[in-house]
Amino acid sequence: MTYGTDLIETKWAGQKTLVSKKIQSFRTKLWNEHFQLPLEALEDPTDYKLWHEIEFIANKNTSIYRSLFGCYPDNEMKTTRELKEMKQKSSL
């Protein structure tokens, strides 16, 4: 489904389709800003390679954030005991 009257051709699931130019531009600029990937790589938001790259970047950024700032609670804490230990170690 598309919204807007200014449509452009792009890819969706590897197939050519028409989408709103404003929405496509917003998404690609936003993703380019956050993931620093070339605009051409962001054309098809359903592309497996793109999602793999985004996941890689997100995991790397999460690791950097954890090492610099810590995080509470965190998905790395799998049990209540681990959560309590982290809470005791921190000033939270």
N, C-alpha and C. Protein backbone atom coordinates (compact mmCIF):
# COMPACT_ATOMS: atom_id res chain seq x y z
N MET A 1 0.84 -1.17 0.00
CA MET A 1 0.00 0.00 0.00
C MET A 1 0.89 1.24 0.00
N THR A 2 0.55 2.21 -0.76
CA THR A 2 1.32 3.43 -0.84
C THR A 2 0.47 4.62 -0.39
N TYR A 3 1.13 5.62 0.16
CA TYR A 3 0.46 6.84 0.56
C TYR A 3 1.15 8.01 -0.13
N GLY A 4 0.41 8.97 -0.55
CA GLY A 4 0.98 10.11 -1.23
C GLY A 4 0.70 10.02 -2.72
N THR A 5 0.87 11.13 -3.38
CA THR A 5 0.60 11.16 -4.81
C THR A 5 1.87 11.16 -5.63
N ASP A 6 2.99 11.45 -5.00
CA ASP A 6 4.27 11.50 -5.69
C ASP A 6 4.96 10.15 -5.52
N LEU A 7 4.77 9.25 -6.48
CA LEU A 7 5.28 7.89 -6.37
C LEU A 7 6.56 7.71 -7.18
N ILE A 8 7.43 6.82 -6.65
CA ILE A 8 8.65 6.45 -7.36
C ILE A 8 8.74 4.93 -7.41
N GLU A 9 9.51 4.43 -8.35
CA GLU A 9 9.71 2.99 -8.47
C GLU A 9 10.91 2.58 -7.61
N THR A 10 10.72 1.54 -6.84
CA THR A 10 11.80 0.99 -6.02
C THR A 10 11.59 -0.51 -5.90
N LYS A 11 12.33 -1.16 -5.04
CA LYS A 11 12.20 -2.60 -4.85
C LYS A 11 11.53 -2.91 -3.52
N TRP A 12 10.76 -3.97 -3.52
CA TRP A 12 10.15 -4.51 -2.30
C TRP A 12 10.16 -6.01 -2.48
N ALA A 13 10.89 -6.70 -1.60
CA ALA A 13 11.05 -8.15 -1.70
C ALA A 13 11.61 -8.54 -3.07
N GLY A 14 12.53 -7.70 -3.58
CA GLY A 14 13.18 -7.99 -4.84
C GLY A 14 12.38 -7.64 -6.07
N GLN A 15 11.14 -7.22 -5.89
CA GLN A 15 10.26 -6.89 -7.01
C GLN A 15 10.12 -5.37 -7.14
N LYS A 16 10.02 -4.89 -8.36
CA LYS A 16 9.79 -3.47 -8.57
C LYS A 16 8.37 -3.10 -8.12
N THR A 17 8.27 -1.97 -7.43
CA THR A 17 6.97 -1.51 -6.95
C THR A 17 6.98 0.00 -6.84
N LEU A 18 5.81 0.60 -6.72
CA LEU A 18 5.70 2.04 -6.54
C LEU A 18 5.48 2.35 -5.07
N VAL A 19 6.22 3.33 -4.58
CA VAL A 19 6.08 3.76 -3.18
C VAL A 19 6.09 5.28 -3.14
N SER A 20 5.66 5.83 -2.02
CA SER A 20 5.69 7.27 -1.83
C SER A 20 7.13 7.77 -1.85
N LYS A 21 7.39 8.76 -2.65
CA LYS A 21 8.73 9.33 -2.74
C LYS A 21 9.17 9.90 -1.40
N LYS A 22 8.26 10.57 -0.70
CA LYS A 22 8.59 11.17 0.60
C LYS A 22 8.95 10.10 1.63
N ILE A 23 8.16 9.04 1.68
CA ILE A 23 8.41 7.97 2.66
C ILE A 23 9.71 7.24 2.33
N GLN A 24 9.93 6.93 1.06
CA GLN A 24 11.17 6.26 0.66
C GLN A 24 12.37 7.12 1.00
N SER A 25 12.28 8.40 0.71
CA SER A 25 13.38 9.32 0.99
C SER A 25 13.62 9.43 2.50
N PHE A 26 12.55 9.55 3.28
CA PHE A 26 12.67 9.63 4.74
C PHE A 26 13.35 8.39 5.30
N ARG A 27 12.88 7.20 4.87
CA ARG A 27 13.43 5.95 5.39
C ARG A 27 14.90 5.80 5.03
N THR A 28 15.24 6.02 3.77
CA THR A 28 16.62 5.81 3.36
C THR A 28 17.56 6.82 4.02
N LYS A 29 17.14 8.07 4.16
CA LYS A 29 17.98 9.06 4.84
C LYS A 29 18.15 8.73 6.31
N LEU A 30 17.07 8.31 6.96
CA LEU A 30 17.13 7.94 8.38
C LEU A 30 18.05 6.74 8.58
N TRP A 31 17.88 5.70 7.77
CA TRP A 31 18.71 4.51 7.90
C TRP A 31 20.16 4.82 7.54
N ASN A 32 20.38 5.67 6.55
CA ASN A 32 21.73 6.07 6.19
C ASN A 32 22.39 6.80 7.35
N GLU A 33 21.64 7.67 8.00
CA GLU A 33 22.18 8.42 9.15
C GLU A 33 22.53 7.48 10.30
N HIS A 34 21.68 6.52 10.58
CA HIS A 34 21.89 5.64 11.74
C HIS A 34 22.85 4.49 11.47
N PHE A 35 22.84 3.96 10.26
CA PHE A 35 23.66 2.78 9.96
C PHE A 35 24.83 3.08 9.04
N GLN A 36 24.88 4.28 8.50
CA GLN A 36 25.97 4.72 7.63
C GLN A 36 26.22 3.74 6.48
N LEU A 37 25.14 3.31 5.88
CA LEU A 37 25.21 2.44 4.70
C LEU A 37 24.91 3.27 3.47
N PRO A 38 25.46 2.90 2.32
CA PRO A 38 25.17 3.67 1.10
C PRO A 38 23.68 3.63 0.75
N LEU A 39 23.18 4.71 0.19
CA LEU A 39 21.76 4.80 -0.14
C LEU A 39 21.31 3.66 -1.06
N GLU A 40 22.18 3.24 -1.96
CA GLU A 40 21.81 2.16 -2.89
C GLU A 40 21.50 0.87 -2.13
N ALA A 41 22.22 0.63 -1.03
CA ALA A 41 22.02 -0.59 -0.24
C ALA A 41 20.69 -0.56 0.51
N LEU A 42 20.10 0.62 0.64
CA LEU A 42 18.88 0.79 1.42
C LEU A 42 17.62 0.78 0.56
N GLU A 43 17.76 0.55 -0.71
CA GLU A 43 16.62 0.64 -1.63
C GLU A 43 15.51 -0.34 -1.27
N ASP A 44 15.86 -1.60 -1.01
CA ASP A 44 14.87 -2.63 -0.70
C ASP A 44 14.91 -2.93 0.80
N PRO A 45 13.94 -2.42 1.57
CA PRO A 45 13.97 -2.61 3.02
C PRO A 45 13.72 -4.05 3.47
N THR A 46 13.40 -4.93 2.54
CA THR A 46 13.16 -6.33 2.90
C THR A 46 14.34 -7.23 2.55
N ASP A 47 15.41 -6.64 2.03
CA ASP A 47 16.57 -7.42 1.58
C ASP A 47 17.27 -8.09 2.76
N TYR A 48 17.51 -9.39 2.66
CA TYR A 48 18.14 -10.16 3.73
C TYR A 48 19.54 -9.63 4.06
N LYS A 49 20.32 -9.32 3.03
CA LYS A 49 21.68 -8.82 3.25
C LYS A 49 21.65 -7.50 4.02
N LEU A 50 20.70 -6.65 3.70
CA LEU A 50 20.56 -5.38 4.40
C LEU A 50 20.26 -5.61 5.87
N TRP A 51 19.30 -6.48 6.17
CA TRP A 51 18.95 -6.75 7.58
C TRP A 51 20.10 -7.41 8.32
N HIS A 52 20.85 -8.25 7.65
CA HIS A 52 22.02 -8.87 8.27
C HIS A 52 23.04 -7.80 8.64
N GLU A 53 23.28 -6.87 7.74
CA GLU A 53 24.22 -5.78 8.00
C GLU A 53 23.73 -4.88 9.13
N ILE A 54 22.44 -4.55 9.14
CA ILE A 54 21.87 -3.71 10.20
C ILE A 54 21.99 -4.42 11.55
N GLU A 55 21.71 -5.71 11.58
CA GLU A 55 21.83 -6.47 12.83
C GLU A 55 23.28 -6.50 13.31
N PHE A 56 24.22 -6.66 12.40
CA PHE A 56 25.64 -6.65 12.75
C PHE A 56 26.02 -5.31 13.37
N ILE A 57 25.61 -4.22 12.74
CA ILE A 57 25.91 -2.88 13.25
C ILE A 57 25.27 -2.67 14.62
N ALA A 58 24.02 -3.08 14.77
CA ALA A 58 23.32 -2.91 16.05
C ALA A 58 24.00 -3.70 17.16
N ASN A 59 24.41 -4.93 16.87
CA ASN A 59 25.11 -5.75 17.88
C ASN A 59 26.45 -5.13 18.27
N LYS A 60 27.17 -4.62 17.28
CA LYS A 60 28.46 -3.97 17.55
C LYS A 60 28.25 -2.73 18.41
N ASN A 61 27.24 -1.91 18.07
CA ASN A 61 26.96 -0.71 18.85
C ASN A 61 26.52 -1.04 20.27
N THR A 62 25.73 -2.10 20.43
CA THR A 62 25.29 -2.53 21.76
C THR A 62 26.48 -2.95 22.59
N SER A 63 27.40 -3.69 22.00
CA SER A 63 28.60 -4.13 22.71
C SER A 63 29.44 -2.94 23.15
N ILE A 64 29.61 -1.97 22.27
CA ILE A 64 30.37 -0.76 22.62
C ILE A 64 29.67 -0.01 23.75
N TYR A 65 28.36 0.16 23.65
CA TYR A 65 27.60 0.87 24.68
C TYR A 65 27.73 0.18 26.03
N ARG A 66 27.57 -1.15 26.04
CA ARG A 66 27.69 -1.91 27.29
C ARG A 66 29.07 -1.73 27.92
N SER A 67 30.11 -1.79 27.10
CA SER A 67 31.46 -1.69 27.65
C SER A 67 31.74 -0.29 28.19
N LEU A 68 31.15 0.73 27.60
CA LEU A 68 31.40 2.10 28.06
C LEU A 68 30.50 2.52 29.22
N PHE A 69 29.22 2.16 29.16
CA PHE A 69 28.25 2.71 30.10
C PHE A 69 27.58 1.68 31.00
N GLY A 70 27.64 0.41 30.64
CA GLY A 70 26.87 -0.60 31.36
C GLY A 70 25.40 -0.41 31.03
N CYS A 71 24.62 -1.32 31.43
CA CYS A 71 23.21 -1.23 31.12
C CYS A 71 22.42 -2.03 32.16
N TYR A 72 21.38 -1.45 32.68
CA TYR A 72 20.57 -2.11 33.70
C TYR A 72 19.12 -1.76 33.46
N PRO A 73 18.21 -2.73 33.34
CA PRO A 73 18.52 -4.14 33.14
C PRO A 73 19.04 -4.38 31.73
N ASP A 74 19.51 -5.57 31.50
CA ASP A 74 20.15 -5.90 30.25
C ASP A 74 19.72 -7.30 29.83
N ASN A 75 19.62 -7.52 28.54
CA ASN A 75 19.24 -8.85 28.03
C ASN A 75 20.27 -9.92 28.37
N GLU A 76 21.49 -9.50 28.71
CA GLU A 76 22.52 -10.44 29.10
C GLU A 76 22.23 -11.07 30.46
N MET A 77 21.40 -10.43 31.24
CA MET A 77 21.02 -10.95 32.55
C MET A 77 19.85 -11.91 32.35
N LYS A 78 20.13 -13.20 32.48
CA LYS A 78 19.12 -14.21 32.17
C LYS A 78 18.32 -14.67 33.39
N THR A 79 18.85 -14.45 34.57
CA THR A 79 18.16 -14.91 35.77
C THR A 79 17.99 -13.75 36.74
N THR A 80 17.11 -13.95 37.70
CA THR A 80 16.89 -12.96 38.75
C THR A 80 18.16 -12.77 39.55
N ARG A 81 18.90 -13.84 39.79
CA ARG A 81 20.15 -13.74 40.54
C ARG A 81 21.15 -12.83 39.82
N GLU A 82 21.30 -13.01 38.51
CA GLU A 82 22.20 -12.16 37.74
C GLU A 82 21.77 -10.70 37.79
N LEU A 83 20.48 -10.47 37.78
CA LEU A 83 19.96 -9.12 37.87
C LEU A 83 20.29 -8.51 39.24
N LYS A 84 20.11 -9.27 40.31
CA LYS A 84 20.42 -8.79 41.66
C LYS A 84 21.91 -8.51 41.81
N GLU A 85 22.75 -9.40 41.26
CA GLU A 85 24.21 -9.19 41.34
C GLU A 85 24.61 -7.90 40.62
N MET A 86 24.04 -7.67 39.45
CA MET A 86 24.35 -6.45 38.71
C MET A 86 23.89 -5.22 39.48
N LYS A 87 22.73 -5.32 40.09
CA LYS A 87 22.18 -4.20 40.86
C LYS A 87 23.10 -3.88 42.05
N GLN A 88 23.63 -4.91 42.70
CA GLN A 88 24.52 -4.70 43.84
C GLN A 88 25.85 -4.07 43.41
N LYS A 89 26.32 -4.42 42.23
CA LYS A 89 27.60 -3.90 41.73
C LYS A 89 27.47 -2.45 41.29
N SER A 90 26.26 -2.08 40.88
CA SER A 90 26.07 -0.73 40.37
C SER A 90 25.55 0.19 41.46
N SER A 91 25.39 1.42 41.10
CA SER A 91 24.86 2.40 42.06
C SER A 91 23.37 2.60 41.86
N LEU A 92 22.71 1.71 41.16
CA LEU A 92 21.28 1.85 40.89
C LEU A 92 20.44 1.40 42.06
